[in-house]
Protein backbone atom coordinates (compact mmCIF):
# COMPACT_ATOMS: atom_id res chain seq x y z
CA MET A 1 38.86 -0.95 12.02
CA SER A 2 35.37 -1.93 13.48
CA GLU A 3 34.93 1.72 14.61
CA ALA A 4 35.50 2.83 11.07
CA LYS A 5 32.98 0.41 9.81
CA LYS A 6 30.30 1.68 12.41
CA ASP A 7 30.94 5.29 11.25
CA ARG A 8 30.75 4.46 7.53
CA LYS A 9 27.57 5.52 6.16
CA LYS A 10 25.20 2.91 4.69
CA PHE A 11 24.44 3.19 0.89
CA LYS A 12 21.17 5.04 0.39
CA LEU A 13 19.35 5.80 -2.83
CA PRO A 14 18.95 9.53 -3.51
CA HIS A 15 15.59 11.16 -3.08
CA LEU A 16 13.28 10.49 -6.06
CA MET A 17 13.33 14.19 -6.77
CA TRP A 18 17.19 13.98 -7.41
CA ILE A 19 16.87 10.79 -9.35
CA LEU A 20 14.36 12.61 -11.76
CA MET A 21 16.60 15.80 -11.98
CA GLY A 22 19.65 13.51 -12.66
CA LEU A 23 17.74 11.80 -15.45
CA ILE A 24 16.80 15.08 -17.05
CA LEU A 25 20.34 16.31 -17.09
CA ILE A 26 21.72 12.95 -18.29
CA MET A 27 19.20 13.05 -21.18
CA SER A 28 20.29 16.64 -21.92
CA ALA A 29 23.93 15.41 -22.15
CA LEU A 30 23.01 12.55 -24.35
CA THR A 31 21.29 14.85 -26.94
CA TYR A 32 24.96 16.11 -27.63
CA ILE A 33 26.28 12.49 -28.02
CA ILE A 34 23.56 10.12 -29.36
CA PRO A 35 22.84 10.63 -33.15
CA ALA A 36 19.60 12.24 -33.84
CA GLY A 37 17.17 9.90 -35.67
CA GLU A 38 13.50 9.55 -36.48
CA PHE A 39 11.01 6.83 -37.57
CA ALA A 40 8.64 7.54 -40.23
CA VAL A 41 5.11 8.12 -38.83
CA LEU A 42 2.02 6.72 -40.28
CA GLU A 43 -1.26 8.66 -40.93
CA ASP A 44 -2.83 7.25 -37.69
CA GLY A 45 0.20 8.75 -35.70
CA LYS A 46 1.79 5.46 -34.99
CA ILE A 47 5.41 4.73 -35.70
CA ASP A 48 6.44 2.86 -38.94
CA GLY A 49 8.95 0.42 -37.32
CA THR A 50 10.41 -0.49 -40.79
CA SER A 51 11.47 3.00 -41.73
CA PHE A 52 14.18 4.66 -39.64
CA ASN A 53 16.71 7.26 -40.64
CA TYR A 54 19.43 9.31 -38.93
CA VAL A 55 18.75 13.00 -39.61
CA GLY A 56 22.38 13.87 -40.05
CA THR A 57 22.52 16.95 -37.63
CA GLN A 58 22.24 16.99 -33.84
CA SER A 59 19.46 18.80 -32.00
CA PRO A 60 21.12 19.31 -28.54
CA VAL A 61 18.93 20.41 -25.61
CA SER A 62 20.92 22.29 -23.10
CA PRO A 63 20.56 21.87 -19.36
CA LEU A 64 18.99 25.29 -19.14
CA ARG A 65 16.52 24.55 -21.95
CA ALA A 66 15.73 21.16 -20.14
CA LEU A 67 14.80 23.19 -17.05
CA PHE A 68 12.62 25.48 -19.11
CA LEU A 69 10.67 22.38 -20.16
CA MET A 70 9.55 21.54 -16.52
CA GLN A 71 6.54 23.87 -16.96
CA ASP A 72 5.60 22.11 -20.25
CA GLY A 73 5.94 18.72 -18.56
CA LEU A 74 3.69 19.69 -15.60
CA VAL A 75 0.99 21.35 -17.87
CA GLY A 76 1.19 18.34 -20.29
CA SER A 77 0.58 15.95 -17.47
CA ALA A 78 -2.25 18.00 -15.96
CA VAL A 79 -5.06 15.55 -16.56
CA ILE A 80 -3.10 12.67 -14.99
CA ILE A 81 -1.86 14.72 -12.02
CA MET A 82 -5.33 15.99 -11.24
CA THR A 83 -6.74 12.53 -11.30
CA VAL A 84 -4.12 11.23 -9.00
CA LEU A 85 -4.59 14.14 -6.54
CA VAL A 86 -8.29 13.67 -6.39
CA GLY A 87 -7.89 9.87 -5.93
CA GLY A 88 -5.60 10.36 -3.02
CA ALA A 89 -7.91 12.93 -1.45
CA SER A 90 -10.87 10.65 -1.79
CA ILE A 91 -9.24 7.79 -0.16
CA GLY A 92 -8.07 10.07 2.59
CA VAL A 93 -11.57 10.95 3.58
CA ILE A 94 -12.91 7.44 3.32
CA LEU A 95 -9.97 6.29 5.65
CA ALA A 96 -10.66 9.01 8.05
CA THR A 97 -14.20 7.77 8.56
CA GLY A 98 -12.71 4.66 10.25
CA ALA A 99 -15.04 2.27 8.36
CA ILE A 100 -12.21 0.21 6.72
CA ASP A 101 -10.48 -0.24 10.09
CA ASN A 102 -13.69 -1.11 11.74
CA PHE A 103 -14.69 -3.62 9.14
CA LEU A 104 -11.29 -5.37 9.39
CA SER A 105 -11.30 -5.42 13.21
CA TRP A 106 -14.88 -6.77 13.25
CA ALA A 107 -14.20 -9.45 10.64
CA THR A 108 -11.01 -10.50 12.58
CA PHE A 109 -12.98 -10.78 15.92
CA LYS A 110 -15.85 -12.68 14.42
CA LEU A 111 -13.69 -15.22 12.65
CA GLN A 112 -11.17 -15.77 15.45
CA ASP A 113 -13.07 -19.03 16.53
CA LYS A 114 -13.38 -20.44 13.07
CA GLY A 115 -10.00 -22.32 13.06
CA GLN A 116 -6.54 -21.05 12.37
CA ASN A 117 -6.32 -21.96 8.66
CA THR A 118 -9.81 -20.55 7.86
CA LEU A 119 -9.01 -17.27 9.69
CA ILE A 120 -5.61 -16.84 7.81
CA VAL A 121 -7.35 -17.36 4.43
CA ILE A 122 -10.15 -15.00 5.04
CA MET A 123 -7.83 -12.39 6.49
CA MET A 124 -5.63 -12.62 3.49
CA VAL A 125 -8.58 -12.46 1.01
CA MET A 126 -9.90 -9.22 2.76
CA MET A 127 -6.38 -7.72 2.52
CA VAL A 128 -5.74 -8.66 -1.20
CA TYR A 129 -9.03 -7.02 -2.05
CA LEU A 130 -8.30 -3.96 -0.01
CA GLY A 131 -4.93 -3.62 -1.69
CA GLY A 132 -6.36 -4.22 -5.19
CA PHE A 133 -8.88 -1.47 -4.82
CA GLY A 134 -7.37 0.94 -2.41
CA GLY A 135 -3.65 0.11 -1.83
CA GLY A 136 -0.97 2.52 -0.85
CA ASP A 137 1.77 2.96 1.83
CA PHE A 138 -0.84 4.24 4.39
CA LEU A 139 -1.70 0.50 4.74
CA ILE A 140 1.39 0.28 7.02
CA ALA A 141 -1.19 1.17 9.68
CA LEU A 142 -2.54 -2.42 9.42
CA VAL A 143 0.63 -4.03 10.60
CA PRO A 144 0.02 -3.56 14.38
CA MET A 145 -3.34 -5.39 13.84
CA GLY A 146 -1.30 -8.08 12.05
CA LEU A 147 0.98 -8.35 15.12
CA VAL A 148 -2.15 -9.05 17.37
CA PHE A 149 -3.34 -11.53 14.81
CA ALA A 150 0.04 -13.38 14.70
CA ARG A 151 0.39 -13.48 18.50
CA LYS A 152 -3.06 -14.80 18.91
CA LEU A 153 -2.19 -17.74 16.48
CA LYS A 154 1.32 -18.04 18.20
CA LEU A 155 3.04 -17.22 14.88
CA ASP A 156 6.23 -15.28 14.40
CA PRO A 157 6.29 -11.56 13.56
CA ILE A 158 6.95 -12.22 9.96
CA MET A 159 3.31 -13.42 9.65
CA ALA A 160 2.22 -10.04 10.92
CA ILE A 161 3.62 -8.48 7.73
CA ALA A 162 2.61 -11.57 5.57
CA VAL A 163 -1.13 -11.34 6.36
CA THR A 164 -1.23 -7.45 6.07
CA THR A 165 1.49 -5.83 3.92
CA PHE A 166 2.38 -8.90 1.78
CA ALA A 167 -1.26 -9.49 1.06
CA THR A 168 -2.16 -5.99 0.27
CA MET A 169 0.86 -5.65 -2.01
CA VAL A 170 -0.29 -8.79 -3.97
CA GLY A 171 -3.53 -7.06 -4.53
CA PHE A 172 -2.15 -3.71 -5.29
CA GLY A 173 0.50 -5.20 -7.67
CA THR A 174 -1.78 -7.46 -9.66
CA GLY A 175 -5.30 -5.85 -9.19
CA PRO A 176 -7.15 -3.93 -11.89
CA ASN A 177 -7.15 -0.45 -10.16
CA LYS A 178 -3.67 0.89 -10.40
CA LEU A 179 -3.21 1.13 -14.09
CA LEU A 180 -4.70 4.68 -14.67
CA ILE A 181 -1.40 6.33 -15.55
CA PRO A 182 0.27 3.51 -17.75
CA GLN A 183 -2.98 2.94 -19.58
CA ASN A 184 -3.29 6.79 -20.31
CA LEU A 185 0.26 6.95 -21.48
CA MET A 186 -0.22 4.04 -23.76
CA ASP A 187 -3.39 5.51 -25.19
CA VAL A 188 -5.27 2.50 -23.80
CA PRO A 189 -8.83 3.00 -22.63
CA VAL A 190 -8.91 3.50 -18.85
CA TYR A 191 -9.95 0.32 -16.90
CA SER A 192 -9.99 -1.73 -20.12
CA GLY A 193 -9.05 -5.38 -19.31
CA PHE A 194 -10.64 -5.13 -15.88
CA GLY A 195 -12.18 -8.57 -15.98
CA MET A 196 -8.90 -10.29 -17.02
CA ARG A 197 -6.87 -8.27 -14.41
CA PHE A 198 -9.46 -9.17 -11.79
CA ILE A 199 -8.93 -12.92 -12.54
CA ILE A 200 -5.10 -12.50 -12.59
CA MET A 201 -5.29 -10.83 -9.11
CA ASN A 202 -7.32 -13.77 -7.74
CA VAL A 203 -4.79 -16.33 -9.25
CA PHE A 204 -1.92 -14.55 -7.41
CA MET A 205 -4.03 -14.42 -4.24
CA VAL A 206 -4.38 -18.13 -4.19
CA ILE A 207 -0.61 -18.48 -4.90
CA ALA A 208 0.16 -16.16 -1.96
CA ILE A 209 -2.29 -17.98 0.31
CA VAL A 210 -0.69 -21.32 -0.47
CA TYR A 211 2.79 -20.06 0.29
CA VAL A 212 1.74 -18.46 3.62
CA MET A 213 -0.19 -21.57 4.73
CA TRP A 214 2.97 -23.67 3.83
CA TYR A 215 5.07 -21.53 6.03
CA VAL A 216 2.54 -21.53 8.87
CA ASN A 217 2.38 -25.30 8.91
CA LYS A 218 6.17 -25.53 8.73
CA ILE A 219 6.69 -23.38 11.80
CA LYS A 220 3.86 -24.90 13.73
CA LYS A 221 5.62 -28.16 13.39
CA ASP A 222 8.98 -26.79 14.17
CA PRO A 223 9.21 -23.17 15.45
CA SER A 224 13.02 -23.21 14.93
CA LYS A 225 12.44 -23.10 11.12
CA SER A 226 11.06 -19.57 11.33
CA ALA A 227 12.75 -17.10 8.93
CA MET A 228 13.38 -14.98 12.16
CA GLY A 229 16.32 -17.40 12.71
CA ASP A 230 15.41 -18.06 16.41
CA THR A 231 12.49 -18.91 18.65
CA GLU A 232 12.73 -15.83 20.93
CA TRP A 233 9.40 -14.62 19.39
CA LEU A 234 7.71 -17.75 20.67
CA THR A 235 9.21 -17.34 24.22
CA SER A 236 7.96 -13.76 24.22
CA ILE A 237 4.44 -14.77 23.30
CA ASN A 238 4.35 -17.40 25.96
CA GLU A 239 5.66 -15.01 28.62
CA SER A 240 3.25 -12.19 27.72
CA GLY A 241 0.19 -14.50 27.35
CA GLU A 242 -2.19 -14.86 24.48
CA ALA A 243 -2.89 -11.68 22.60
CA VAL A 244 -6.50 -10.55 22.65
CA ILE A 245 -8.26 -9.62 19.44
CA LYS A 246 -10.56 -6.90 20.63
CA GLU A 247 -14.26 -6.89 19.88
CA SER A 248 -15.19 -4.20 17.35
CA LYS A 249 -18.75 -3.38 16.35
CA LEU A 250 -19.64 -2.88 12.72
CA THR A 251 -22.34 -0.15 12.37
CA LEU A 252 -24.71 0.34 9.48
CA ARG A 253 -22.75 3.52 8.69
CA ASP A 254 -19.53 1.42 8.20
CA ILE A 255 -21.33 -1.00 5.90
CA ILE A 256 -22.72 1.82 3.82
CA ILE A 257 -19.32 3.50 3.48
CA MET A 258 -17.76 0.17 2.56
CA ILE A 259 -20.42 -0.33 -0.16
CA ILE A 260 -19.64 3.28 -1.42
CA PHE A 261 -15.86 2.64 -1.44
CA PHE A 262 -16.00 -0.47 -3.58
CA GLY A 263 -19.09 0.55 -5.36
CA GLN A 264 -17.46 3.59 -6.93
CA TYR A 265 -15.08 1.46 -8.86
CA VAL A 266 -17.89 -0.67 -10.25
CA VAL A 267 -19.55 2.52 -11.51
CA ILE A 268 -16.38 4.07 -12.96
CA VAL A 269 -15.49 0.76 -14.76
CA TYR A 270 -18.91 0.45 -16.26
CA TYR A 271 -18.96 3.98 -17.39
CA SER A 272 -15.42 3.88 -18.96
CA ILE A 273 -16.13 0.59 -20.82
CA PHE A 274 -19.72 1.14 -22.07
CA LEU A 275 -20.59 4.81 -21.92
CA ALA A 276 -17.52 7.10 -22.13
CA PRO A 277 -17.22 8.77 -25.61
CA ASN A 278 -13.45 9.31 -25.04
CA ALA A 279 -10.64 8.99 -22.51
CA LEU A 280 -11.05 12.55 -21.23
CA ALA A 281 -14.68 11.85 -20.44
CA THR A 282 -13.62 8.93 -18.28
CA TYR A 283 -11.19 11.12 -16.31
CA ASN A 284 -13.79 13.81 -15.81
CA PHE A 285 -16.27 11.12 -14.60
CA LEU A 286 -13.74 9.51 -12.24
CA VAL A 287 -12.85 12.73 -10.56
CA ALA A 288 -16.50 13.56 -10.13
CA VAL A 289 -17.45 10.16 -8.75
CA GLN A 290 -14.48 9.93 -6.32
CA THR A 291 -15.14 13.41 -5.01
CA VAL A 292 -18.98 12.60 -4.49
CA SER A 293 -18.05 9.34 -2.84
CA ALA A 294 -15.68 11.07 -0.38
CA ILE A 295 -18.13 13.77 0.60
CA ALA A 296 -20.98 11.23 0.96
CA SER A 297 -18.78 8.86 3.09
CA GLY A 298 -17.80 11.75 5.28
CA LEU A 299 -21.48 12.88 5.78
CA ILE A 300 -22.56 9.42 6.55
CA ALA A 301 -19.88 9.05 9.16
CA LYS A 302 -21.26 12.28 10.81
CA MET A 303 -18.05 14.29 10.02
CA SER A 304 -18.51 18.02 9.88
CA TRP A 305 -18.09 19.85 6.62
CA ASP A 306 -14.84 21.38 7.87
CA LYS A 307 -13.61 17.90 8.97
CA ILE A 308 -14.31 16.50 5.40
CA GLY A 309 -12.60 19.45 3.97
CA ASP A 310 -9.49 18.97 6.17
CA GLU A 311 -9.14 15.33 5.41
CA TYR A 312 -9.72 15.94 1.71
CA ALA A 313 -6.95 18.56 1.83
CA LYS A 314 -4.56 16.18 3.72
CA GLY A 315 -5.18 13.35 1.13
CA LEU A 316 -4.61 15.93 -1.66
CA ALA A 317 -1.42 17.22 -0.07
CA GLY A 318 -0.07 13.66 0.49
CA MET A 319 -0.26 13.10 -3.27
CA ALA A 320 1.09 16.61 -4.37
CA PHE A 321 4.68 15.37 -4.69
CA VAL A 322 3.61 12.32 -6.57
CA GLY A 323 1.79 14.68 -9.07
CA PHE A 324 4.98 16.90 -9.30
CA ILE A 325 7.14 13.82 -10.10
CA ILE A 326 4.73 12.62 -12.83
CA GLY A 327 5.22 16.00 -14.50
CA MET A 328 9.00 15.98 -14.13
CA ALA A 329 8.94 12.48 -15.66
CA ARG A 330 7.40 13.96 -18.69
CA VAL A 331 10.24 16.32 -19.02
CA VAL A 332 12.62 13.52 -19.50
CA SER A 333 10.62 12.36 -22.57
CA LEU A 334 10.32 15.99 -23.79
CA VAL A 335 14.18 16.32 -23.79
CA MET A 336 14.48 13.03 -25.66
CA ALA A 337 11.97 14.11 -28.21
CA GLU A 338 13.29 17.66 -28.64
CA GLY A 339 16.70 16.39 -28.99
CA LYS A 340 15.53 13.62 -31.43
CA ILE A 341 17.31 10.89 -29.61
CA LEU A 342 14.11 9.01 -28.39
CA HIS A 343 13.62 7.19 -31.74
CA THR A 344 17.40 6.43 -31.89
CA ILE A 345 17.30 4.79 -28.52
CA VAL A 346 14.09 2.81 -29.40
CA TYR A 347 15.46 1.76 -32.83
CA ASN A 348 18.74 0.39 -31.29
CA MET A 349 16.92 -1.33 -28.33
CA THR A 350 14.43 -3.13 -30.60
CA LYS A 351 16.85 -4.22 -33.33
CA PRO A 352 17.78 -7.39 -31.42
CA LEU A 353 14.10 -8.06 -30.57
CA MET A 354 12.62 -7.78 -34.15
CA SER A 355 13.32 -11.49 -34.86
CA LEU A 356 12.09 -12.73 -31.54
CA ASP A 357 8.56 -14.07 -30.72
CA ARG A 358 6.44 -11.19 -29.41
CA GLY A 359 5.65 -13.26 -26.26
CA ILE A 360 9.36 -13.52 -25.57
CA SER A 361 9.77 -9.75 -26.04
CA ALA A 362 6.91 -9.17 -23.65
CA ILE A 363 8.65 -11.41 -21.07
CA GLY A 364 11.87 -9.47 -21.52
CA LEU A 365 9.93 -6.17 -21.14
CA THR A 366 8.53 -7.51 -17.79
CA GLY A 367 11.93 -8.57 -16.61
CA ILE A 368 13.58 -5.25 -17.37
CA ILE A 369 10.89 -3.37 -15.40
CA ALA A 370 11.16 -5.88 -12.47
CA ILE A 371 14.83 -5.01 -12.31
CA ILE A 372 14.33 -1.26 -12.48
CA ASN A 373 11.46 -1.32 -10.04
CA PRO A 374 13.53 -1.40 -6.71
CA ILE A 375 15.37 1.64 -7.90
CA ILE A 376 12.28 3.77 -8.65
CA PRO A 377 9.49 1.98 -6.46
CA SER A 378 6.85 4.56 -7.12
CA ALA A 379 4.54 2.85 -9.71
CA SER A 380 3.14 6.27 -10.99
CA SER A 381 6.62 7.82 -11.32
CA LYS A 382 8.03 4.76 -13.02
CA ALA A 383 5.09 4.69 -15.50
CA ALA A 384 5.67 8.25 -16.25
CA ILE A 385 9.27 7.71 -16.93
CA LEU A 386 9.09 4.44 -18.81
CA MET A 387 5.97 4.53 -20.89
CA PRO A 388 6.99 7.21 -23.29
CA ILE A 389 9.80 4.86 -24.11
CA ILE A 390 7.78 1.63 -23.97
CA LYS A 391 5.10 2.94 -26.24
CA PRO A 392 7.34 3.44 -29.42
CA ILE A 393 9.05 0.11 -28.63
CA THR A 394 5.69 -1.71 -28.69
CA GLU A 395 4.73 0.05 -31.95
CA VAL A 396 8.04 -0.90 -33.62
CA LEU A 397 7.61 -4.47 -32.40
CA GLY A 398 4.01 -4.71 -33.41
CA MET A 399 3.09 -5.53 -29.78
CA ASN A 400 -0.46 -4.89 -28.57
CA PRO A 401 -0.17 -1.85 -26.15
CA GLN A 402 -2.57 -3.73 -23.61
CA ILE A 403 0.19 -6.48 -23.34
CA ALA A 404 2.77 -3.68 -22.70
CA VAL A 405 0.59 -2.32 -19.83
CA GLN A 406 0.36 -5.77 -18.38
CA ALA A 407 4.02 -6.32 -18.73
CA PHE A 408 4.54 -3.10 -16.85
CA GLN A 409 2.15 -4.15 -14.06
CA PHE A 410 3.85 -7.56 -13.67
CA GLY A 411 7.29 -5.91 -13.69
CA ASP A 412 6.20 -3.22 -11.15
CA GLY A 413 4.06 -5.56 -8.91
CA PHE A 414 6.23 -8.16 -7.27
CA THR A 415 9.66 -6.66 -6.60
CA ASN A 416 8.04 -3.98 -4.40
CA ILE A 417 7.61 -6.77 -1.75
CA ILE A 418 11.38 -6.88 -1.30
CA SER A 419 12.37 -3.35 -2.27
CA PRO A 420 14.61 -1.54 0.43
CA ALA A 421 13.75 1.71 -1.13
CA LEU A 422 10.04 1.51 -0.74
CA GLY A 423 8.65 3.11 2.41
CA TRP A 424 5.73 0.77 2.49
CA THR A 425 8.00 -2.31 2.79
CA VAL A 426 10.70 -1.04 5.22
CA GLY A 427 8.14 0.73 7.29
CA SER A 428 6.12 -2.51 7.66
CA CYS A 429 9.26 -4.32 8.77
CA ALA A 430 9.95 -1.61 11.34
CA ALA A 431 6.34 -1.75 12.70
CA ALA A 432 6.50 -5.54 13.08
CA GLY A 433 9.94 -5.48 14.57
CA VAL A 434 11.33 -7.64 11.82
CA PRO A 435 14.90 -6.93 10.36
CA PHE A 436 14.52 -6.33 6.70
CA GLN A 437 17.05 -9.05 5.87
CA LYS A 438 14.87 -11.59 7.60
CA TRP A 439 11.79 -10.36 5.68
CA PHE A 440 13.90 -10.43 2.45
CA LYS A 441 14.88 -14.08 3.22
CA TRP A 442 11.20 -15.05 3.68
CA ALA A 443 9.69 -13.11 0.75
CA MET A 444 12.48 -13.74 -1.99
CA PRO A 445 11.25 -17.21 -2.95
CA ILE A 446 7.62 -16.21 -3.40
CA VAL A 447 8.62 -13.20 -5.35
CA ILE A 448 10.64 -15.27 -7.78
CA ILE A 449 7.83 -17.76 -8.16
CA MET A 450 5.32 -14.95 -8.95
CA ILE A 451 7.68 -13.39 -11.41
CA LEU A 452 8.11 -16.70 -13.23
CA ILE A 453 4.39 -17.30 -13.29
CA SER A 454 3.85 -13.76 -14.65
CA PHE A 455 6.19 -14.63 -17.46
CA VAL A 456 3.95 -17.63 -18.51
CA MET A 457 0.85 -15.44 -18.16
CA ILE A 458 2.18 -12.60 -20.30
CA TYR A 459 3.32 -15.05 -22.87
CA PHE A 460 -0.09 -16.75 -22.90
CA LEU A 461 -2.02 -13.35 -23.16
CA ASN A 462 0.12 -12.34 -26.09
CA MET A 463 -0.37 -15.85 -27.72
CA ILE A 464 -4.23 -15.52 -27.60
CA GLY A 465 -4.06 -11.98 -28.94
CA TRP A 466 -5.69 -10.40 -25.65
CA MET A 467 -6.80 -6.88 -26.46
CA GLY A 468 -8.35 -6.11 -23.10
CA TYR A 469 -11.64 -5.00 -24.58
């Protein structure tokens, strides 16, 4: 019996491509089943939530027709896809300069004698800001540095993930920089609400730091209370001696590249809020600024033109599949629209919510996305799939689209920390030598706390009528 259990394959989610293909085919089948219906559309293009009618005849979309819509989905998402590709390429070049790694190593070495608590707090602040402005699964590379950090302070391997991946995920999940796609799909000005989201990121950063410091103090008093479930990690540290945080010099080049890296976002936000005549102008400006920043950083780092080109191409290639998935996700909405079932789905979903307070509806939206998130962990893919549905829902409910964007961010932001389907999470566990179930046990309480706090925040933002402008 035990042999059979060993041979039994573990459940594994299908590849994201097959999830999307499956959704397209499911929606195609539903166009034969769900009654076609339409809301009346107002002069400004918004849905009139008070006027819905079934059209009386079906408009089925065959599986073959659905596949023919793939090209339309990719072309229709071209602006977003190209922006995502260039963003990945730009970050790829800046990472290749080594400036970010050098800065983190230098800061850790300089602060190692400032006291354990001070060092942990400063380390987490740096990581949250790095995640907030340049997060991604490539930050798994920071975990080995976290291991040295944890061993130096005689802390368990879970802390290696806590001060690196956990902190960067908090910044990535709550910061103002990852909402390009959902804001575009909701027809909300890009980077609008930057100030409020920056404040929100810092609030959650403080919450994360408090939780980590509570855990550190707990295991310092009694190492057996480690979420690792044993004290073998402590024995290993004592036997191997104290880990050494190596000295790293921070050059003027590194400083200039860091200024360029963070400064580009200040320039982009300023342009998008105060100067851009329309959304397309913002995207054009963003692509130009990120490309110039990448080239300038490469030249300052004394990379050859060929090296800059190679790293730019690698970053571009790394985001190519993400771009394809964004286009595929648009096909899902095209099938629903052509089959005239999108409005029918929205109508039946929103009927129970019409009598509820809009703040409660926003909380419900956040919770639904949080539940879906572990299944489709990619934020860009999830936004491309859900926003075409969320947008008419918010119009029917009379909800501010900026609130819907924030509900998406909260729903997407926290369950990533415990998602077994996200390479960033499981890869970090592997790099730190922490079994995923141990990490889950440690992280689950803070994830629940953050989700509950996000419910309060989204209700408050709705109550004050936050527009994000």
